[in-house]
Each structure stands twice: as structure tokens, then as C-alpha cells.
Amino acid sequence: MSIYSEINKIYKRLDKGIAKFQSATGISCPPRCSVCCREWPVETTVLELFPLAREIYLRKQEDTVISAISEKEAREDPVCVLFRDLTGRGHNGPCSYYEYRPLVCRLFGFASRRNKFGRIELMTCRIIKDYKPSEVRRAEMAISQGLRLPVYQDAFMRISSIKPAIGFRRLPINEALKAAIETLYWMYPGKGPGFRSAVGSFR
């Protein structure tokens, strides 16, 4: 099984778990909210971004993305290069590669963790707490009664162990994405006309 397939399999399982949890509790983000993209320093690993880097290559957007990252670095702008201004027409969300987002973006607001006593507790954000306080209380009660929600530490370890050399170190998201694009490029010999075919063959 390819690295992409392993990571995507984990992502799909997490997405199903989150959807089931949302359906059972009613917890959700406010419409078109993007505070987590704009106001918090997002960090991720190079490995988590492999599926995204692969898709960028398949869309022939690697040069555009790398250039945009360089421009952001020059301005010292830490906001993810894939973040979109919601005022633009036709945008249905702030992420231009939403389906391929890394683990931290998938689980932010919709994950659980083990506290110092080993008990599972809800991890969510202040925006969701303010937006749907009763649903958050319902979710916390449901977790205490056994309703399952992805545990962030467990999900991180499952992905990181696929390729530990690039799976554990967290970097600012733009730096990590640039490294993922470059790492993927150097993983394939030749880098000639057949490069995208080689990348695309690994599902």
C-alpha cells in the first residue's frame, strides 16, 4: 500500500467518525467560519501533507503554490497559502484544497484527548463553544457515556508511524507544505515527463 493510500485511509476513517459524532450531538462550526485558519498559527507535519502535495502536482499547481509561499515568507505572513478570501464569488469555504487538508485541520474542534487521568474529553474551540453551547454540553455528556470521537494523539501516532523521519516534527503549515512538495518531487527518479503519471499511479 502506498503512503498516500495509508494516510487517506486514516483520513477517511476519521471523517466518518466526526460525521457520526456531529450527527449524534448537533455540534458544528458556524457557517463559513475560518477563525482557525486566520488567527491561530497552524502547524503540521510534512507527512500529513503528502496527499495534498500529490494533488497539487496532479493539478499542475506546484510552481504557483511554491511562489505563493515564498511571497508569504517575504511578508512574514503565517496564514496558510491555501486560505481563500470568502468574499470571492463561487467560494464555498476558505480552503482551496479542503478534501486534502492535513490532520490538524480535520480534527480541529472535532476531536477528543486523554487528560492527565487517562479519561477521554472533548477538544473543541472557543468559537464552537460560543456558537452552540448546549450542543457542546450534549457532546461532553455523550463522550462521558461512551460516544466515540477520534482521539487526536492516537490519530497523530497512526499517521506519524507510517514514515517517522518526516512524521513527527511539526512545522508552520506553509513551511511543511513546501517541504512536502519538494520531498515528493525527489522521491521519484527522473522527474521527467512521466513524473505526474508516476505520482498519479499511487492512490
Protein backbone atom coordinates (compact mmCIF):
# COMPACT_ATOMS: atom_id res chain seq x y z
CA MET A 1 0.00 0.00 0.00
CA SER A 2 1.38 3.45 -0.90
CA ILE A 3 1.99 6.20 1.64
CA TYR A 4 -0.90 8.17 0.13
CA SER A 5 -3.27 5.24 0.44
CA GLU A 6 -2.33 4.65 4.07
CA ILE A 7 -2.80 8.29 5.03
CA ASN A 8 -6.03 8.67 3.05
CA LYS A 9 -7.43 5.52 4.65
CA ILE A 10 -6.85 7.06 8.07
CA TYR A 11 -8.33 10.40 6.98
CA LYS A 12 -11.49 8.76 5.63
CA ARG A 13 -11.97 6.79 8.84
CA LEU A 14 -11.58 9.98 10.88
CA ASP A 15 -14.03 11.87 8.66
CA LYS A 16 -16.65 9.14 9.15
CA GLY A 17 -16.15 9.23 12.92
CA ILE A 18 -16.52 13.01 13.03
CA ALA A 19 -19.63 12.94 10.82
CA LYS A 20 -21.23 10.34 13.09
CA PHE A 21 -20.39 12.43 16.15
CA GLN A 22 -21.81 15.59 14.60
CA SER A 23 -25.00 13.80 13.65
CA ALA A 24 -25.44 12.46 17.19
CA THR A 25 -24.72 15.73 19.00
CA GLY A 26 -25.54 18.57 16.60
CA ILE A 27 -22.14 20.17 17.19
CA SER A 28 -20.79 22.12 14.20
CA CYS A 29 -18.78 25.14 13.11
CA PRO A 30 -20.55 28.44 12.42
CA PRO A 31 -21.29 28.91 8.71
CA ARG A 32 -18.22 30.00 6.73
CA CYS A 33 -16.11 30.34 9.86
CA SER A 34 -12.36 30.49 9.25
CA VAL A 35 -11.01 31.78 12.54
CA CYS A 36 -8.81 28.69 12.98
CA CYS A 37 -7.20 29.42 9.60
CA ARG A 38 -6.69 33.13 10.17
CA GLU A 39 -5.98 33.65 13.86
CA TRP A 40 -4.05 30.63 15.09
CA PRO A 41 -0.57 29.52 13.99
CA VAL A 42 -1.33 26.25 12.18
CA GLU A 43 1.41 23.63 12.41
CA THR A 44 1.51 20.22 10.79
CA THR A 45 3.98 17.59 9.63
CA VAL A 46 5.40 17.07 6.16
CA LEU A 47 3.94 13.54 6.13
CA GLU A 48 0.37 14.73 6.82
CA LEU A 49 0.63 16.89 3.71
CA PHE A 50 1.68 14.15 1.27
CA PRO A 51 -1.86 13.65 -0.14
CA LEU A 52 -2.17 17.42 -0.56
CA ALA A 53 1.23 17.73 -2.25
CA ARG A 54 0.31 14.89 -4.59
CA GLU A 55 -2.94 16.62 -5.57
CA ILE A 56 -1.11 19.91 -6.16
CA TYR A 57 1.17 18.11 -8.61
CA LEU A 58 -1.75 16.45 -10.36
CA ARG A 59 -3.38 19.87 -10.82
CA LYS A 60 -0.03 21.25 -12.09
CA GLN A 61 -0.09 23.91 -9.40
CA GLU A 62 3.25 23.20 -7.70
CA ASP A 63 5.08 26.24 -9.11
CA THR A 64 2.16 28.53 -8.28
CA VAL A 65 1.94 27.26 -4.72
CA ILE A 66 5.69 27.43 -4.10
CA SER A 67 5.79 31.01 -5.44
CA ALA A 68 2.85 32.00 -3.23
CA ILE A 69 4.59 30.50 -0.19
CA SER A 70 7.76 32.47 -0.99
CA GLU A 71 5.73 35.68 -1.22
CA LYS A 72 4.12 34.98 2.15
CA GLU A 73 7.51 34.26 3.71
CA ALA A 74 8.82 37.58 2.41
CA ARG A 75 5.86 39.36 4.07
CA GLU A 76 6.18 37.22 7.21
CA ASP A 77 2.56 36.20 6.70
CA PRO A 78 1.91 32.88 8.52
CA VAL A 79 -1.63 32.29 7.18
CA CYS A 80 -1.91 29.12 5.11
CA VAL A 81 -1.21 29.71 1.43
CA LEU A 82 -4.35 27.74 0.54
CA PHE A 83 -6.64 30.00 2.56
CA ARG A 84 -9.17 31.85 0.38
CA ASP A 85 -10.90 35.15 0.94
CA LEU A 86 -14.56 34.26 1.48
CA THR A 87 -15.67 37.45 -0.23
CA GLY A 88 -14.75 35.94 -3.61
CA ARG A 89 -17.56 34.67 -5.78
CA GLY A 90 -18.11 30.96 -6.07
CA HIS A 91 -16.20 30.07 -2.91
CA ASN A 92 -17.98 27.57 -0.68
CA GLY A 93 -15.31 27.57 2.01
CA PRO A 94 -11.96 29.07 2.96
CA CYS A 95 -9.73 26.16 1.90
CA SER A 96 -8.96 25.67 -1.78
CA TYR A 97 -7.89 22.03 -1.21
CA TYR A 98 -10.34 21.14 1.57
CA GLU A 99 -10.58 17.43 0.73
CA TYR A 100 -6.80 17.08 1.10
CA ARG A 101 -6.28 19.10 4.30
CA PRO A 102 -3.92 17.72 6.97
CA LEU A 103 -4.80 16.07 10.25
CA VAL A 104 -4.84 19.22 12.39
CA CYS A 105 -7.35 20.87 10.04
CA ARG A 106 -9.60 17.80 10.03
CA LEU A 107 -9.70 17.39 13.78
CA PHE A 108 -9.64 20.99 14.98
CA GLY A 109 -12.79 21.45 17.03
CA PHE A 110 -13.89 17.85 16.48
CA ALA A 111 -11.51 15.61 18.37
CA SER A 112 -11.01 14.20 21.83
CA ARG A 113 -7.95 13.73 24.00
CA ARG A 114 -6.85 11.80 27.06
CA ASN A 115 -6.50 14.05 30.07
CA LYS A 116 -3.90 13.53 32.81
CA PHE A 117 -6.19 10.97 34.44
CA GLY A 118 -6.49 8.95 31.23
CA ARG A 119 -10.11 9.92 30.64
CA ILE A 120 -11.36 10.94 27.21
CA GLU A 121 -12.57 14.54 26.95
CA LEU A 122 -13.79 16.78 24.14
CA MET A 123 -11.33 19.07 22.34
CA THR A 124 -13.15 21.93 20.67
CA CYS A 125 -12.63 25.64 20.06
CA ARG A 126 -13.99 28.75 21.75
CA ILE A 127 -15.95 29.68 18.62
CA ILE A 128 -17.92 26.44 18.67
CA LYS A 129 -18.41 26.75 22.44
CA ASP A 130 -19.92 30.20 21.99
CA TYR A 131 -21.89 29.24 18.85
CA LYS A 132 -23.52 26.06 20.17
CA PRO A 133 -23.08 25.84 23.95
CA SER A 134 -25.94 23.39 24.51
CA GLU A 135 -24.64 21.09 21.78
CA VAL A 136 -21.16 21.22 23.31
CA ARG A 137 -22.60 20.21 26.70
CA ARG A 138 -24.51 17.40 24.99
CA ALA A 139 -21.31 16.28 23.27
CA GLU A 140 -19.35 16.28 26.52
CA MET A 141 -22.06 14.20 28.17
CA ALA A 142 -22.19 11.80 25.23
CA ILE A 143 -18.41 11.27 25.38
CA SER A 144 -18.59 10.57 29.11
CA GLN A 145 -21.25 7.96 28.33
CA GLY A 146 -19.14 6.24 25.69
CA LEU A 147 -19.84 8.00 22.37
CA ARG A 148 -16.63 7.79 20.38
CA LEU A 149 -14.80 10.68 18.75
CA PRO A 150 -11.32 10.49 17.19
CA VAL A 151 -8.56 10.85 19.78
CA TYR A 152 -6.00 13.30 18.44
CA GLN A 153 -2.97 11.60 19.99
CA ASP A 154 -3.95 8.24 18.51
CA ALA A 155 -4.61 9.63 15.04
CA PHE A 156 -1.31 11.52 15.06
CA MET A 157 0.64 8.41 16.06
CA ARG A 158 -1.04 6.26 13.38
CA ILE A 159 0.00 8.68 10.65
CA SER A 160 3.44 9.53 12.05
CA SER A 161 4.45 5.88 12.29
CA ILE A 162 3.96 5.43 8.52
CA LYS A 163 7.19 7.35 7.87
CA PRO A 164 8.69 8.50 11.18
CA ALA A 165 11.53 10.51 9.62
CA ILE A 166 9.03 13.15 8.45
CA GLY A 167 6.04 12.19 10.55
CA PHE A 168 6.73 13.66 13.97
CA ARG A 169 8.21 17.13 13.54
CA ARG A 170 5.57 19.84 13.34
CA LEU A 171 6.29 22.90 11.21
CA PRO A 172 4.34 26.04 10.27
CA ILE A 173 1.91 24.90 7.61
CA ASN A 174 3.43 26.80 4.70
CA GLU A 175 6.92 25.56 5.53
CA ALA A 176 5.61 21.99 5.86
CA LEU A 177 3.72 22.20 2.55
CA LYS A 178 6.77 23.49 0.70
CA ALA A 179 8.83 20.63 2.16
CA ALA A 180 6.14 18.08 1.22
CA ILE A 181 6.09 19.29 -2.39
CA GLU A 182 9.89 19.16 -2.59
CA THR A 183 10.13 15.77 -0.83
CA LEU A 184 7.58 14.22 -3.16
CA TYR A 185 9.50 15.52 -6.16
CA TRP A 186 12.76 13.94 -5.03
CA MET A 187 11.12 10.61 -4.17
CA TYR A 188 10.79 9.79 -7.88
CA PRO A 189 13.72 9.18 -10.22
CA GLY A 190 13.99 11.12 -13.44
CA LYS A 191 11.48 13.87 -12.69
CA GLY A 192 10.81 13.99 -16.41
CA PRO A 193 7.61 13.93 -18.48
CA GLY A 194 6.38 10.81 -16.70
CA PHE A 195 6.63 12.36 -13.23
CA ARG A 196 2.95 13.22 -12.82
CA SER A 197 1.94 9.82 -14.17
CA ALA A 198 4.14 8.22 -11.54
CA VAL A 199 2.65 10.38 -8.79
CA GLY A 200 -0.89 9.76 -10.00
CA SER A 201 -0.42 6.00 -10.08
CA PHE A 202 -0.11 5.89 -6.29
CA ARG A 203 -3.59 6.10 -4.88
